[in-house]
N, C-alpha and C. Protein backbone atom coordinates (compact mmCIF):
# COMPACT_ATOMS: atom_id res chain seq x y z
N MET A 1 124.22 111.00 140.40
CA MET A 1 123.60 112.22 139.91
C MET A 1 124.19 112.63 138.57
N GLU A 2 125.49 112.45 138.42
CA GLU A 2 126.16 112.81 137.16
C GLU A 2 125.61 111.97 136.01
N LEU A 3 125.37 110.68 136.27
CA LEU A 3 124.82 109.78 135.24
C LEU A 3 123.43 110.26 134.82
N ILE A 4 122.61 110.66 135.77
CA ILE A 4 121.26 111.13 135.46
C ILE A 4 121.32 112.39 134.61
N MET A 5 122.21 113.32 134.97
CA MET A 5 122.35 114.56 134.19
C MET A 5 122.85 114.27 132.78
N THR A 6 123.79 113.35 132.65
CA THR A 6 124.32 112.98 131.33
C THR A 6 123.21 112.39 130.46
N LEU A 7 122.42 111.47 131.05
CA LEU A 7 121.31 110.87 130.30
C LEU A 7 120.24 111.91 129.95
N ALA A 8 119.96 112.82 130.88
CA ALA A 8 118.96 113.87 130.63
C ALA A 8 119.38 114.76 129.48
N ILE A 9 120.67 115.07 129.40
CA ILE A 9 121.17 115.91 128.31
C ILE A 9 121.19 115.13 127.00
N LYS A 10 121.63 113.88 127.06
CA LYS A 10 121.72 113.06 125.84
C LYS A 10 120.33 112.82 125.23
N PHE A 11 119.37 112.57 126.08
CA PHE A 11 118.01 112.29 125.63
C PHE A 11 117.10 113.47 125.99
N TRP A 12 117.50 114.67 125.54
CA TRP A 12 116.84 115.90 125.94
C TRP A 12 115.36 115.94 125.56
N GLN A 13 114.99 115.31 124.44
CA GLN A 13 113.58 115.34 124.05
C GLN A 13 112.73 114.60 125.08
N TRP A 14 113.24 113.46 125.54
CA TRP A 14 112.52 112.70 126.56
C TRP A 14 112.49 113.47 127.87
N THR A 15 113.58 114.18 128.17
CA THR A 15 113.64 114.99 129.39
C THR A 15 112.57 116.08 129.34
N VAL A 16 112.45 116.75 128.20
CA VAL A 16 111.43 117.79 128.04
C VAL A 16 110.04 117.18 128.20
N LEU A 17 109.81 116.04 127.56
CA LEU A 17 108.51 115.39 127.66
C LEU A 17 108.19 115.02 129.09
N ILE A 18 109.13 114.42 129.79
CA ILE A 18 108.90 114.02 131.18
C ILE A 18 108.61 115.25 132.04
N ALA A 19 109.37 116.33 131.84
CA ALA A 19 109.13 117.56 132.60
C ALA A 19 107.74 118.11 132.31
N VAL A 20 107.34 118.12 131.04
CA VAL A 20 106.01 118.62 130.66
C VAL A 20 104.93 117.75 131.30
N VAL A 21 105.10 116.44 131.28
CA VAL A 21 104.09 115.53 131.86
C VAL A 21 103.99 115.75 133.37
N ILE A 22 105.11 115.88 134.05
CA ILE A 22 105.08 116.10 135.50
C ILE A 22 104.41 117.43 135.83
N ILE A 23 104.79 118.49 135.13
CA ILE A 23 104.17 119.79 135.36
C ILE A 23 102.67 119.73 135.05
N ALA A 24 102.31 119.06 133.95
CA ALA A 24 100.90 118.94 133.58
C ALA A 24 100.12 118.16 134.63
N ALA A 25 100.71 117.10 135.17
CA ALA A 25 100.03 116.30 136.20
C ALA A 25 99.78 117.14 137.46
N ILE A 26 100.77 117.95 137.84
CA ILE A 26 100.61 118.81 139.01
C ILE A 26 99.53 119.86 138.75
N LEU A 27 99.60 120.52 137.59
CA LEU A 27 98.60 121.53 137.26
C LEU A 27 97.21 120.92 137.15
N ASN A 28 97.12 119.73 136.59
CA ASN A 28 95.83 119.06 136.45
C ASN A 28 95.23 118.77 137.82
N ALA A 29 96.08 118.34 138.77
CA ALA A 29 95.60 118.03 140.11
C ALA A 29 95.13 119.30 140.84
N LEU A 30 95.78 120.42 140.59
CA LEU A 30 95.45 121.68 141.26
C LEU A 30 94.35 122.47 140.57
N ASP A 31 94.07 122.16 139.31
CA ASP A 31 93.12 122.93 138.52
C ASP A 31 91.70 122.69 138.99
N LYS A 32 91.03 123.76 139.35
CA LYS A 32 89.64 123.66 139.82
C LYS A 32 88.64 123.95 138.70
N ARG A 33 89.13 124.43 137.54
CA ARG A 33 88.23 124.75 136.42
C ARG A 33 88.00 123.48 135.60
N LYS A 34 87.13 122.63 136.04
CA LYS A 34 86.93 121.34 135.37
C LYS A 34 85.89 121.41 134.25
N LYS A 35 85.19 122.53 134.13
CA LYS A 35 84.16 122.62 133.10
C LYS A 35 84.56 123.67 132.07
N PRO A 36 84.55 123.29 130.79
CA PRO A 36 84.81 124.29 129.74
C PRO A 36 83.64 125.28 129.65
N ASN A 37 83.90 126.39 128.98
CA ASN A 37 82.91 127.46 128.88
C ASN A 37 81.92 127.29 127.74
N LEU A 38 81.98 126.21 127.01
CA LEU A 38 81.03 125.97 125.92
C LEU A 38 80.67 124.50 125.87
N LYS A 39 79.61 124.21 125.13
CA LYS A 39 79.21 122.82 124.89
C LYS A 39 79.61 122.49 123.46
N PHE A 40 80.19 121.31 123.28
CA PHE A 40 80.67 120.91 121.96
C PHE A 40 80.37 119.43 121.75
N ASN A 41 79.84 119.10 120.57
CA ASN A 41 79.73 117.69 120.20
C ASN A 41 79.80 117.58 118.68
N PHE A 42 80.00 116.35 118.22
CA PHE A 42 80.19 116.08 116.80
C PHE A 42 79.80 114.65 116.53
N LYS A 43 79.54 114.36 115.27
CA LYS A 43 79.25 112.99 114.84
C LYS A 43 80.32 112.59 113.86
N GLY A 44 81.21 111.74 114.26
CA GLY A 44 82.24 111.24 113.35
C GLY A 44 83.45 112.15 113.25
N MET A 45 84.56 111.53 113.01
CA MET A 45 85.82 112.26 112.86
C MET A 45 85.85 112.96 111.51
N PRO A 46 86.57 114.08 111.43
CA PRO A 46 86.73 114.72 110.12
C PRO A 46 87.54 113.82 109.19
N LYS A 47 87.17 113.80 107.93
CA LYS A 47 87.88 112.99 106.94
C LYS A 47 88.95 113.86 106.29
N LEU A 48 90.20 113.45 106.47
CA LEU A 48 91.34 114.25 106.02
C LEU A 48 92.18 113.51 105.00
N GLN A 49 92.79 114.27 104.13
CA GLN A 49 93.76 113.73 103.17
C GLN A 49 95.02 114.58 103.29
N PRO A 50 96.19 113.92 103.38
CA PRO A 50 97.43 114.71 103.46
C PRO A 50 97.72 115.40 102.14
N VAL A 51 98.26 116.60 102.23
CA VAL A 51 98.68 117.35 101.05
C VAL A 51 100.18 117.09 100.89
N PRO A 52 100.63 116.69 99.70
CA PRO A 52 102.05 116.38 99.50
C PRO A 52 102.95 117.58 99.81
N ILE A 53 104.11 117.29 100.38
CA ILE A 53 105.15 118.30 100.56
C ILE A 53 105.96 118.26 99.27
N LYS A 54 105.91 119.33 98.50
CA LYS A 54 106.46 119.33 97.15
C LYS A 54 107.97 119.58 97.15
N THR A 55 108.72 118.50 97.38
CA THR A 55 110.18 118.60 97.39
C THR A 55 110.77 118.29 96.01
N LYS A 56 110.02 117.61 95.17
CA LYS A 56 110.53 117.22 93.85
C LYS A 56 110.83 118.45 93.01
N GLY A 57 112.01 118.45 92.40
CA GLY A 57 112.41 119.54 91.52
C GLY A 57 112.97 120.75 92.26
N LYS A 58 113.13 120.65 93.57
CA LYS A 58 113.65 121.78 94.35
C LYS A 58 115.16 121.71 94.54
N GLY A 59 115.77 120.65 94.06
CA GLY A 59 117.19 120.46 94.32
C GLY A 59 117.37 119.71 95.63
N PHE A 60 118.53 119.10 95.79
CA PHE A 60 118.77 118.24 96.95
C PHE A 60 118.66 119.02 98.26
N TRP A 61 119.44 120.10 98.43
CA TRP A 61 119.49 120.80 99.71
C TRP A 61 118.18 121.50 100.04
N LYS A 62 117.58 122.17 99.06
CA LYS A 62 116.30 122.84 99.32
C LYS A 62 115.22 121.80 99.64
N GLY A 63 115.25 120.67 98.94
CA GLY A 63 114.30 119.59 99.21
C GLY A 63 114.45 119.05 100.63
N ILE A 64 115.70 118.88 101.07
CA ILE A 64 115.95 118.40 102.43
C ILE A 64 115.44 119.42 103.45
N ILE A 65 115.72 120.69 103.22
CA ILE A 65 115.26 121.74 104.14
C ILE A 65 113.73 121.77 104.20
N MET A 66 113.08 121.67 103.03
CA MET A 66 111.62 121.65 103.01
C MET A 66 111.08 120.44 103.77
N TRP A 67 111.70 119.29 103.56
CA TRP A 67 111.27 118.05 104.20
C TRP A 67 111.39 118.17 105.73
N LEU A 68 112.48 118.75 106.19
CA LEU A 68 112.73 118.83 107.63
C LEU A 68 111.98 119.98 108.31
N LEU A 69 111.77 121.08 107.62
CA LEU A 69 111.22 122.27 108.27
C LEU A 69 109.77 122.57 107.93
N SER A 70 109.24 121.99 106.86
CA SER A 70 107.86 122.33 106.50
C SER A 70 106.88 121.56 107.37
N THR A 71 105.66 122.06 107.40
CA THR A 71 104.59 121.44 108.16
C THR A 71 103.63 120.78 107.18
N ARG A 72 103.25 119.56 107.50
CA ARG A 72 102.28 118.83 106.66
C ARG A 72 100.94 119.54 106.72
N ASN A 73 100.35 119.78 105.58
CA ASN A 73 98.99 120.31 105.50
C ASN A 73 98.03 119.18 105.21
N TRP A 74 96.80 119.39 105.59
CA TRP A 74 95.72 118.42 105.39
C TRP A 74 94.56 119.13 104.74
N VAL A 75 93.81 118.38 103.93
CA VAL A 75 92.61 118.95 103.31
C VAL A 75 91.42 118.09 103.75
N LEU A 76 90.32 118.77 104.07
CA LEU A 76 89.09 118.10 104.46
C LEU A 76 88.42 117.54 103.21
N THR A 77 88.15 116.24 103.17
CA THR A 77 87.59 115.64 101.96
C THR A 77 86.06 115.64 101.96
N ASP A 78 85.43 115.77 103.11
CA ASP A 78 83.97 115.87 103.23
C ASP A 78 83.65 117.01 104.19
N ASP A 79 82.46 117.58 104.05
CA ASP A 79 82.02 118.56 105.03
C ASP A 79 82.08 117.91 106.42
N TRP A 80 82.52 118.66 107.41
CA TRP A 80 82.53 118.15 108.79
C TRP A 80 81.66 119.05 109.65
N LYS A 81 80.60 118.45 110.22
CA LYS A 81 79.65 119.20 111.03
C LYS A 81 79.92 118.96 112.51
N TYR A 82 79.73 120.01 113.27
CA TYR A 82 79.91 119.96 114.71
C TYR A 82 78.93 120.94 115.34
N ASN A 83 78.78 120.83 116.65
CA ASN A 83 77.79 121.64 117.35
C ASN A 83 78.47 122.38 118.50
N ILE A 84 78.27 123.69 118.56
CA ILE A 84 78.76 124.51 119.66
C ILE A 84 77.55 125.19 120.29
N ASP A 85 77.35 124.95 121.58
CA ASP A 85 76.27 125.58 122.35
C ASP A 85 74.90 125.42 121.68
N GLY A 86 74.64 124.23 121.15
CA GLY A 86 73.34 123.93 120.57
C GLY A 86 73.13 124.38 119.13
N LYS A 87 74.12 124.99 118.53
CA LYS A 87 74.01 125.46 117.15
C LYS A 87 74.97 124.65 116.27
N GLU A 88 74.48 124.21 115.11
CA GLU A 88 75.31 123.38 114.23
C GLU A 88 76.12 124.25 113.27
N TYR A 89 77.40 123.88 113.15
CA TYR A 89 78.34 124.55 112.27
C TYR A 89 78.97 123.52 111.34
N VAL A 90 79.62 124.02 110.30
CA VAL A 90 80.26 123.13 109.32
C VAL A 90 81.59 123.73 108.89
N ILE A 91 82.53 122.85 108.63
CA ILE A 91 83.74 123.24 107.92
C ILE A 91 83.66 122.50 106.59
N PRO A 92 83.58 123.25 105.48
CA PRO A 92 83.33 122.63 104.18
C PRO A 92 84.51 121.80 103.67
N ALA A 93 84.17 120.80 102.86
CA ALA A 93 85.19 120.02 102.16
C ALA A 93 86.07 120.97 101.36
N GLY A 94 87.34 120.65 101.31
CA GLY A 94 88.29 121.47 100.57
C GLY A 94 89.08 122.42 101.45
N PHE A 95 88.64 122.58 102.71
CA PHE A 95 89.39 123.46 103.61
C PHE A 95 90.74 122.82 103.92
N GLN A 96 91.80 123.60 103.77
CA GLN A 96 93.16 123.12 104.00
C GLN A 96 93.71 123.76 105.28
N PHE A 97 94.33 122.93 106.12
CA PHE A 97 94.87 123.43 107.38
C PHE A 97 96.08 122.61 107.78
N ASP A 98 96.79 123.10 108.79
CA ASP A 98 98.01 122.39 109.23
C ASP A 98 97.90 121.81 110.62
N GLY A 99 96.73 121.87 111.24
CA GLY A 99 96.56 121.30 112.57
C GLY A 99 97.09 122.23 113.64
N ALA A 100 97.19 121.70 114.85
CA ALA A 100 97.68 122.49 115.98
C ALA A 100 99.16 122.85 115.75
N SER A 101 99.52 124.03 116.16
CA SER A 101 100.90 124.49 115.98
C SER A 101 101.78 123.95 117.10
N ILE A 102 102.36 122.80 116.83
CA ILE A 102 103.24 122.13 117.79
C ILE A 102 104.68 122.40 117.37
N PRO A 103 105.56 122.84 118.29
CA PRO A 103 106.97 123.00 117.91
C PRO A 103 107.55 121.70 117.37
N LYS A 104 108.41 121.80 116.36
CA LYS A 104 108.96 120.62 115.69
C LYS A 104 109.54 119.59 116.66
N PHE A 105 110.31 120.05 117.66
CA PHE A 105 110.97 119.10 118.54
C PHE A 105 109.99 118.33 119.43
N LEU A 106 108.75 118.80 119.56
CA LEU A 106 107.74 118.08 120.34
C LEU A 106 106.84 117.21 119.47
N ARG A 107 106.98 117.29 118.15
CA ARG A 107 106.09 116.52 117.27
C ARG A 107 106.31 115.03 117.33
N THR A 108 107.43 114.61 117.89
CA THR A 108 107.64 113.18 118.12
C THR A 108 106.57 112.67 119.09
N PHE A 109 106.15 113.52 120.01
CA PHE A 109 105.21 113.12 121.05
C PHE A 109 103.80 113.65 120.83
N PHE A 110 103.68 114.84 120.23
CA PHE A 110 102.38 115.48 120.02
C PHE A 110 102.19 115.78 118.54
N SER A 111 101.33 115.02 117.89
CA SER A 111 101.05 115.26 116.48
C SER A 111 100.14 116.48 116.34
N PRO A 112 100.38 117.32 115.33
CA PRO A 112 99.47 118.46 115.09
C PRO A 112 98.04 118.01 114.79
N VAL A 113 97.86 116.76 114.35
CA VAL A 113 96.52 116.24 114.10
C VAL A 113 96.25 115.04 115.00
N GLY A 114 96.80 115.07 116.20
CA GLY A 114 96.57 114.03 117.21
C GLY A 114 95.43 114.44 118.12
N VAL A 115 95.71 114.53 119.42
CA VAL A 115 94.65 114.83 120.40
C VAL A 115 94.11 116.25 120.30
N LEU A 116 94.78 117.10 119.54
CA LEU A 116 94.31 118.48 119.36
C LEU A 116 93.64 118.69 117.99
N LEU A 117 93.33 117.60 117.29
CA LEU A 117 92.81 117.67 115.92
C LEU A 117 91.57 118.54 115.80
N MET A 118 90.50 118.21 116.52
CA MET A 118 89.24 118.92 116.30
C MET A 118 89.32 120.37 116.73
N GLY A 119 89.94 120.62 117.87
CA GLY A 119 90.12 122.01 118.29
C GLY A 119 90.98 122.77 117.30
N GLY A 120 92.03 122.11 116.79
CA GLY A 120 92.92 122.74 115.81
C GLY A 120 92.22 123.03 114.50
N LEU A 121 91.37 122.12 114.05
CA LEU A 121 90.63 122.31 112.80
C LEU A 121 89.67 123.51 112.91
N VAL A 122 88.88 123.54 113.98
CA VAL A 122 87.94 124.64 114.18
C VAL A 122 88.71 125.95 114.35
N HIS A 123 89.79 125.90 115.10
CA HIS A 123 90.61 127.09 115.37
C HIS A 123 91.23 127.63 114.08
N ASP A 124 91.79 126.75 113.25
CA ASP A 124 92.39 127.21 111.99
C ASP A 124 91.34 127.87 111.09
N TYR A 125 90.12 127.30 111.07
CA TYR A 125 89.04 127.90 110.28
C TYR A 125 88.67 129.27 110.86
N ALA A 126 88.56 129.35 112.18
CA ALA A 126 88.21 130.62 112.82
C ALA A 126 89.29 131.67 112.60
N TYR A 127 90.56 131.27 112.63
CA TYR A 127 91.64 132.22 112.39
C TYR A 127 91.61 132.72 110.95
N LYS A 128 91.37 131.80 110.01
CA LYS A 128 91.40 132.19 108.61
C LYS A 128 90.27 133.15 108.26
N TYR A 129 89.06 132.84 108.73
CA TYR A 129 87.89 133.61 108.31
C TYR A 129 87.36 134.57 109.38
N LYS A 130 87.89 134.51 110.61
CA LYS A 130 87.46 135.38 111.70
C LYS A 130 86.02 135.10 112.11
N THR A 131 85.55 133.89 111.83
CA THR A 131 84.20 133.47 112.18
C THR A 131 84.09 131.96 111.99
N LEU A 132 82.94 131.41 112.32
CA LEU A 132 82.62 130.01 112.04
C LEU A 132 81.35 129.97 111.19
N LEU A 133 81.27 129.02 110.28
CA LEU A 133 80.18 128.92 109.31
C LEU A 133 79.06 128.02 109.86
N GLU A 134 77.84 128.55 109.85
CA GLU A 134 76.70 127.74 110.27
C GLU A 134 76.46 126.63 109.25
N ALA A 135 75.80 125.55 109.69
CA ALA A 135 75.61 124.36 108.86
C ALA A 135 74.84 124.65 107.58
N ASN A 136 73.98 125.67 107.58
CA ASN A 136 73.23 126.00 106.36
C ASN A 136 74.11 126.68 105.30
N LYS A 137 75.34 127.05 105.68
CA LYS A 137 76.34 127.69 104.81
C LYS A 137 75.88 129.05 104.28
N LYS A 138 74.90 129.64 104.94
CA LYS A 138 74.43 130.97 104.53
C LYS A 138 74.76 132.04 105.56
N LYS A 139 74.95 131.62 106.82
CA LYS A 139 75.23 132.56 107.89
C LYS A 139 76.45 132.11 108.68
N THR A 140 77.00 133.04 109.45
CA THR A 140 78.14 132.71 110.29
C THR A 140 77.81 132.99 111.76
N MET A 141 78.73 132.62 112.61
CA MET A 141 78.60 132.86 114.04
C MET A 141 78.65 134.36 114.34
N GLY A 142 79.19 135.12 113.43
CA GLY A 142 79.46 136.53 113.68
C GLY A 142 80.97 136.68 113.88
N GLU A 143 81.43 137.90 113.85
CA GLU A 143 82.87 138.14 113.89
C GLU A 143 83.47 137.73 115.24
N LEU A 144 84.55 136.97 115.16
CA LEU A 144 85.30 136.56 116.34
C LEU A 144 86.57 137.37 116.45
N ASP A 145 87.02 137.57 117.68
CA ASP A 145 88.36 138.12 117.85
C ASP A 145 89.32 136.96 118.15
N GLN A 146 90.60 137.25 118.17
CA GLN A 146 91.60 136.20 118.36
C GLN A 146 91.41 135.49 119.70
N LYS A 147 91.15 136.23 120.75
CA LYS A 147 91.00 135.62 122.08
C LYS A 147 89.84 134.62 122.09
N ARG A 148 88.72 134.99 121.50
CA ARG A 148 87.56 134.07 121.48
C ARG A 148 87.88 132.82 120.68
N ALA A 149 88.57 132.96 119.54
CA ALA A 149 88.96 131.79 118.75
C ALA A 149 89.88 130.88 119.57
N ASP A 150 90.80 131.46 120.34
CA ASP A 150 91.70 130.68 121.18
C ASP A 150 90.94 129.97 122.30
N GLU A 151 89.94 130.63 122.87
CA GLU A 151 89.12 130.01 123.92
C GLU A 151 88.31 128.84 123.37
N ILE A 152 87.78 128.99 122.16
CA ILE A 152 87.04 127.89 121.52
C ILE A 152 87.97 126.70 121.32
N PHE A 153 89.19 126.94 120.84
CA PHE A 153 90.20 125.88 120.67
C PHE A 153 90.42 125.16 122.00
N ARG A 154 90.68 125.92 123.05
CA ARG A 154 90.95 125.33 124.38
C ARG A 154 89.77 124.49 124.85
N ASP A 155 88.56 125.04 124.79
CA ASP A 155 87.41 124.34 125.33
C ASP A 155 87.03 123.10 124.53
N ILE A 156 87.13 123.18 123.21
CA ILE A 156 86.86 121.99 122.39
C ILE A 156 87.84 120.88 122.77
N ASN A 157 89.11 121.22 122.90
CA ASN A 157 90.10 120.19 123.22
C ASN A 157 89.90 119.61 124.61
N ILE A 158 89.49 120.43 125.58
CA ILE A 158 89.20 119.90 126.92
C ILE A 158 88.07 118.88 126.84
N ILE A 159 87.03 119.21 126.08
CA ILE A 159 85.88 118.30 125.94
C ILE A 159 86.30 117.01 125.23
N VAL A 160 87.12 117.13 124.19
CA VAL A 160 87.48 115.96 123.38
C VAL A 160 88.53 115.08 124.05
N ASN A 161 89.58 115.69 124.63
CA ASN A 161 90.67 114.85 125.14
C ASN A 161 90.81 114.85 126.66
N GLY A 162 90.20 115.78 127.36
CA GLY A 162 90.22 115.78 128.82
C GLY A 162 91.53 116.20 129.46
N PHE A 163 92.51 116.63 128.70
CA PHE A 163 93.80 117.05 129.26
C PHE A 163 93.75 118.55 129.57
N TYR A 164 93.28 118.90 130.74
CA TYR A 164 93.09 120.31 131.08
C TYR A 164 94.37 121.10 130.99
N SER A 165 95.40 120.66 131.69
CA SER A 165 96.62 121.48 131.75
C SER A 165 97.31 121.56 130.39
N MET A 166 97.32 120.47 129.60
CA MET A 166 97.94 120.53 128.27
C MET A 166 97.19 121.51 127.38
N ASN A 167 95.87 121.50 127.48
CA ASN A 167 95.07 122.42 126.67
C ASN A 167 95.23 123.86 127.12
N TYR A 168 95.39 124.09 128.41
CA TYR A 168 95.67 125.44 128.87
C TYR A 168 97.05 125.90 128.44
N LEU A 169 98.02 124.98 128.44
CA LEU A 169 99.36 125.32 127.95
C LEU A 169 99.29 125.71 126.47
N ALA A 170 98.55 124.92 125.68
CA ALA A 170 98.37 125.25 124.25
C ALA A 170 97.64 126.58 124.10
N TYR A 171 96.64 126.80 124.94
CA TYR A 171 95.88 128.06 124.90
C TYR A 171 96.79 129.25 125.19
N TRP A 172 97.60 129.17 126.24
CA TRP A 172 98.48 130.29 126.59
C TRP A 172 99.57 130.48 125.55
N SER A 173 99.99 129.40 124.91
CA SER A 173 100.95 129.54 123.81
C SER A 173 100.32 130.34 122.67
N LEU A 174 99.05 130.07 122.39
CA LEU A 174 98.33 130.83 121.36
C LEU A 174 98.14 132.29 121.77
N ARG A 175 97.83 132.51 123.04
CA ARG A 175 97.63 133.89 123.51
C ARG A 175 98.92 134.69 123.38
N ILE A 176 100.06 134.03 123.58
CA ILE A 176 101.35 134.72 123.51
C ILE A 176 101.82 134.88 122.07
N GLY A 177 101.74 133.81 121.26
CA GLY A 177 102.33 133.86 119.93
C GLY A 177 101.38 133.74 118.76
N GLY A 178 100.09 133.49 119.02
CA GLY A 178 99.14 133.29 117.94
C GLY A 178 98.88 134.52 117.09
N PHE A 179 99.26 135.70 117.61
CA PHE A 179 99.02 136.94 116.87
C PHE A 179 99.71 136.94 115.51
N VAL A 180 100.82 136.18 115.38
CA VAL A 180 101.54 136.14 114.11
C VAL A 180 100.63 135.53 113.02
N ALA A 181 100.04 134.38 113.32
CA ALA A 181 99.13 133.74 112.36
C ALA A 181 97.86 134.57 112.19
N TRP A 182 97.32 135.08 113.29
CA TRP A 182 96.10 135.89 113.23
C TRP A 182 96.30 137.11 112.32
N ASN A 183 97.38 137.84 112.54
CA ASN A 183 97.66 139.03 111.73
C ASN A 183 97.93 138.68 110.27
N GLY A 184 98.60 137.54 110.03
CA GLY A 184 98.84 137.09 108.66
C GLY A 184 97.53 136.84 107.93
N HIS A 185 96.58 136.21 108.62
CA HIS A 185 95.26 135.98 108.02
C HIS A 185 94.50 137.28 107.81
N ARG A 186 94.66 138.24 108.71
CA ARG A 186 93.98 139.52 108.54
C ARG A 186 94.52 140.25 107.31
N LYS A 187 95.81 140.12 107.02
CA LYS A 187 96.37 140.76 105.83
C LYS A 187 95.83 140.11 104.55
N ARG A 188 95.64 138.80 104.57
CA ARG A 188 95.13 138.09 103.39
C ARG A 188 93.61 138.29 103.28
N ASP A 189 92.93 138.53 104.40
CA ASP A 189 91.49 138.85 104.44
C ASP A 189 90.63 137.88 103.64
N ALA A 190 90.77 136.58 103.93
CA ALA A 190 89.98 135.55 103.25
C ALA A 190 88.49 135.69 103.60
N LYS A 191 87.65 135.45 102.63
CA LYS A 191 86.20 135.52 102.82
C LYS A 191 85.59 134.16 102.50
N ILE A 192 84.54 133.81 103.21
CA ILE A 192 83.81 132.57 102.95
C ILE A 192 82.92 132.81 101.74
N LYS A 193 83.02 131.95 100.73
CA LYS A 193 82.24 132.11 99.51
C LYS A 193 80.75 131.91 99.79
N GLY A 194 79.94 132.79 99.23
CA GLY A 194 78.50 132.67 99.35
C GLY A 194 77.93 133.26 100.62
N VAL A 195 78.78 133.82 101.48
CA VAL A 195 78.31 134.40 102.73
C VAL A 195 78.76 135.86 102.78
N LYS A 196 77.87 136.73 103.19
CA LYS A 196 78.20 138.16 103.26
C LYS A 196 78.78 138.50 104.60
């Protein structure tokens, strides 16, 4: 038993991952909500380009801190169209986002643009603008609140990756801590160009 505890402490990241997987497997087996609350489909993956982390000219220590603590941003290189509940929406080329908010110590196992990519992309757009843009780029879905944006994130990810418990865990993490990003976007009050 002592050997197991020593290994669990030494390889704590793997211990956390194994614990999360076991808990997720149990929750997945017990979860009776197998259908998401919306319909979602898309044609093709979003085309992304990484945005450089600008460490050059920051000095050695500041550059190291930026490298270790900053989050990679991505920019959409082409419009990406998707469908929610029979209505087509678009995220325009040029939109910059950071993907799903995964704690740094879990990014070894869960990439912010991995299995949560599409839900994270739609969610980041909804958080920034408080709505989703229709494909004609003239109208929006209408004003969303934070809870609805979080539910859209959860349901899109369930449809795309099928991991119910992981997506609910991500959803509840957003419900608990997402207000920080939501409120930050409300202070900046970004508007979609060309839409009233």
